[in-house]
C-alpha atoms as a PDB file:
ATOM      1  CA  MET A   1      11.246 -95.002 142.212  1.00  0.00           C
ATOM      2  CA  GLU A   2       8.916 -92.543 143.926  1.00  0.00           C
ATOM      3  CA  PHE A   3       8.553 -89.015 142.963  1.00  0.00           C
ATOM      4  CA  GLY A   4       7.235 -85.949 144.932  1.00  0.00           C
ATOM      5  CA  ASP A   5       3.844 -86.003 143.281  1.00  0.00           C
ATOM      6  CA  ASN A   6       3.241 -89.628 144.434  1.00  0.00           C
ATOM      7  CA  SER A   7       4.072 -91.055 141.034  1.00  0.00           C
ATOM      8  CA  LYS A   8       5.835 -94.401 141.147  1.00  0.00           C
ATOM      9  CA  VAL A   9       7.631 -96.305 138.415  1.00  0.00           C
ATOM     10  CA  LYS A  10       9.601 -99.527 138.415  1.00  0.00           C
ATOM     11  CA  ALA A  11      13.206 -99.122 137.196  1.00  0.00           C
ATOM     12  CA  ARG A  12      16.135-101.360 136.597  1.00  0.00           C
ATOM     13  CA  LEU A  13      19.476-100.118 137.998  1.00  0.00           C
ATOM     14  CA  VAL A  14      21.934-100.330 135.104  1.00  0.00           C
ATOM     15  CA  ARG A  15      24.886 -98.208 136.330  1.00  0.00           C
ATOM     16  CA  THR A  16      26.296 -96.720 139.459  1.00  0.00           C
ATOM     17  CA  VAL A  17      28.963 -94.074 139.427  1.00  0.00           C
ATOM     18  CA  PHE A  18      30.784 -93.169 142.733  1.00  0.00           C
ATOM     19  CA  ARG A  19      31.704 -89.430 142.684  1.00  0.00           C
ATOM     20  CA  ASP A  20      34.756 -87.819 144.241  1.00  0.00           C
ATOM     21  CA  ASP A  21      32.652 -86.109 146.827  1.00  0.00           C
ATOM     22  CA  GLY A  22      31.317 -89.351 148.212  1.00  0.00           C
ATOM     23  CA  SER A  23      27.950 -89.271 146.486  1.00  0.00           C
ATOM     24  CA  GLU A  24      26.538 -91.828 144.090  1.00  0.00           C
ATOM     25  CA  LEU A  25      24.921 -91.300 140.686  1.00  0.00           C
ATOM     26  CA  PHE A  26      22.443 -94.041 139.591  1.00  0.00           C
ATOM     27  CA  GLY A  27      21.577 -94.801 135.988  1.00  0.00           C
ATOM     28  CA  CYS A  28      18.209 -96.567 135.486  1.00  0.00           C
ATOM     29  CA  ALA A  29      16.276 -98.066 132.688  1.00  0.00           C
ATOM     30  CA  ILE A  30      12.543 -97.464 132.877  1.00  0.00           C
ATOM     31  CA  SER A  31      10.006 -99.455 130.962  1.00  0.00           C
ATOM     32  CA  LYS A  32       7.764 -97.812 128.306  1.00  0.00           C
ATOM     33  CA  VAL A  33       4.766 -99.069 130.329  1.00  0.00           C
ATOM     34  CA  TYR A  34       5.376 -96.041 132.621  1.00  0.00           C
ATOM     35  CA  LYS A  35       5.403 -93.453 129.764  1.00  0.00           C
ATOM     36  CA  TYR A  36       2.373 -91.613 131.036  1.00  0.00           C
ATOM     37  CA  GLU A  37       3.985 -91.222 134.581  1.00  0.00           C
ATOM     38  CA  LEU A  38       7.266 -90.077 133.094  1.00  0.00           C
ATOM     39  CA  ALA A  39       5.563 -87.593 130.840  1.00  0.00           C
ATOM     40  CA  LYS A  40       3.784 -86.070 133.836  1.00  0.00           C
ATOM     41  CA  ILE A  41       7.008 -85.828 135.791  1.00  0.00           C
ATOM     42  CA  ILE A  42       8.988 -84.334 132.824  1.00  0.00           C
ATOM     43  CA  SER A  43       6.124 -81.884 132.044  1.00  0.00           C
ATOM     44  CA  LEU A  44       6.169 -80.686 135.704  1.00  0.00           C
ATOM     45  CA  ASP A  45       9.926 -80.163 135.602  1.00  0.00           C
ATOM     46  CA  ASP A  46       9.739 -78.299 132.314  1.00  0.00           C
ATOM     47  CA  ALA A  47       6.926 -76.075 133.710  1.00  0.00           C
ATOM     48  CA  ILE A  48       9.071 -75.222 136.700  1.00  0.00           C
ATOM     49  CA  ALA A  49      12.091 -74.352 134.547  1.00  0.00           C
ATOM     50  CA  ASN A  50       9.922 -72.230 132.159  1.00  0.00           C
ATOM     51  CA  SER A  51       8.435 -70.397 135.140  1.00  0.00           C
ATOM     52  CA  LYS A  52      11.976 -69.644 136.488  1.00  0.00           C
ATOM     53  CA  ARG A  53      13.132 -68.426 133.060  1.00  0.00           C
ATOM     54  CA  ASN A  54      10.069 -66.211 132.738  1.00  0.00           C
ATOM     55  CA  GLU A  55      10.613 -64.680 136.185  1.00  0.00           C
ATOM     56  CA  ALA A  56      14.276 -63.963 135.390  1.00  0.00           C
ATOM     57  CA  ALA A  57      13.305 -62.257 132.062  1.00  0.00           C
ATOM     58  CA  GLN A  58      10.690 -60.142 133.876  1.00  0.00           C
ATOM     59  CA  ALA A  59      13.205 -59.134 136.513  1.00  0.00           C
ATOM     60  CA  ARG A  60      15.681 -58.132 133.798  1.00  0.00           C
ATOM     61  CA  GLU A  61      13.113 -56.080 132.041  1.00  0.00           C
ATOM     62  CA  LYS A  62      11.911 -54.420 135.232  1.00  0.00           C
ATOM     63  CA  ALA A  63      15.600 -53.496 136.141  1.00  0.00           C
ATOM     64  CA  LYS A  64      16.181 -52.175 132.601  1.00  0.00           C
ATOM     65  CA  ASN A  65      13.018 -49.929 132.848  1.00  0.00           C
ATOM     66  CA  THR A  66      13.772 -48.879 136.474  1.00  0.00           C
ATOM     67  CA  ASP A  67      17.431 -47.992 135.726  1.00  0.00           C
ATOM     68  CA  ALA A  68      16.595 -46.011 132.504  1.00  0.00           C
ATOM     69  CA  GLY A  69      18.158 -42.543 132.606  1.00  0.00           C
ATOM     70  CA  TRP A  70      20.677 -43.322 135.242  1.00  0.00           C
ATOM     71  CA  ASN A  71      24.319 -43.308 134.711  1.00  0.00           C
ATOM     72  CA  GLU A  72      26.797 -45.190 136.945  1.00  0.00           C
ATOM     73  CA  SER A  73      29.666 -43.126 138.295  1.00  0.00           C
ATOM     74  CA  SER A  74      31.462 -42.497 141.605  1.00  0.00           C
ATOM     75  CA  ILE A  75      31.599 -39.469 143.909  1.00  0.00           C
ATOM     76  CA  LYS A  76      35.109 -38.322 144.555  1.00  0.00           C
ATOM     77  CA  ARG A  77      34.287 -35.851 147.216  1.00  0.00           C
ATOM     78  CA  TRP A  78      31.158 -34.835 148.867  1.00  0.00           C
ATOM     79  CA  HIS A  79      30.632 -31.150 150.082  1.00  0.00           C
END
């Protein structure tokens, strides 16, 4: 298996699931010999997920501060 950061690990295919949409899902067993490579890949995925969560939280906070003092309503007739 090859990953985007040029990490490579050997894996044994242990299960294949054919999905209704025509795609396939593969289950693999990976040796503990590759624990460093896997830790690096998992850490990168966690870092990306944390970054996205932080960005979303900052956007919510900014929206909350920006919208302070405003009330939502509708205009029935404009003169």
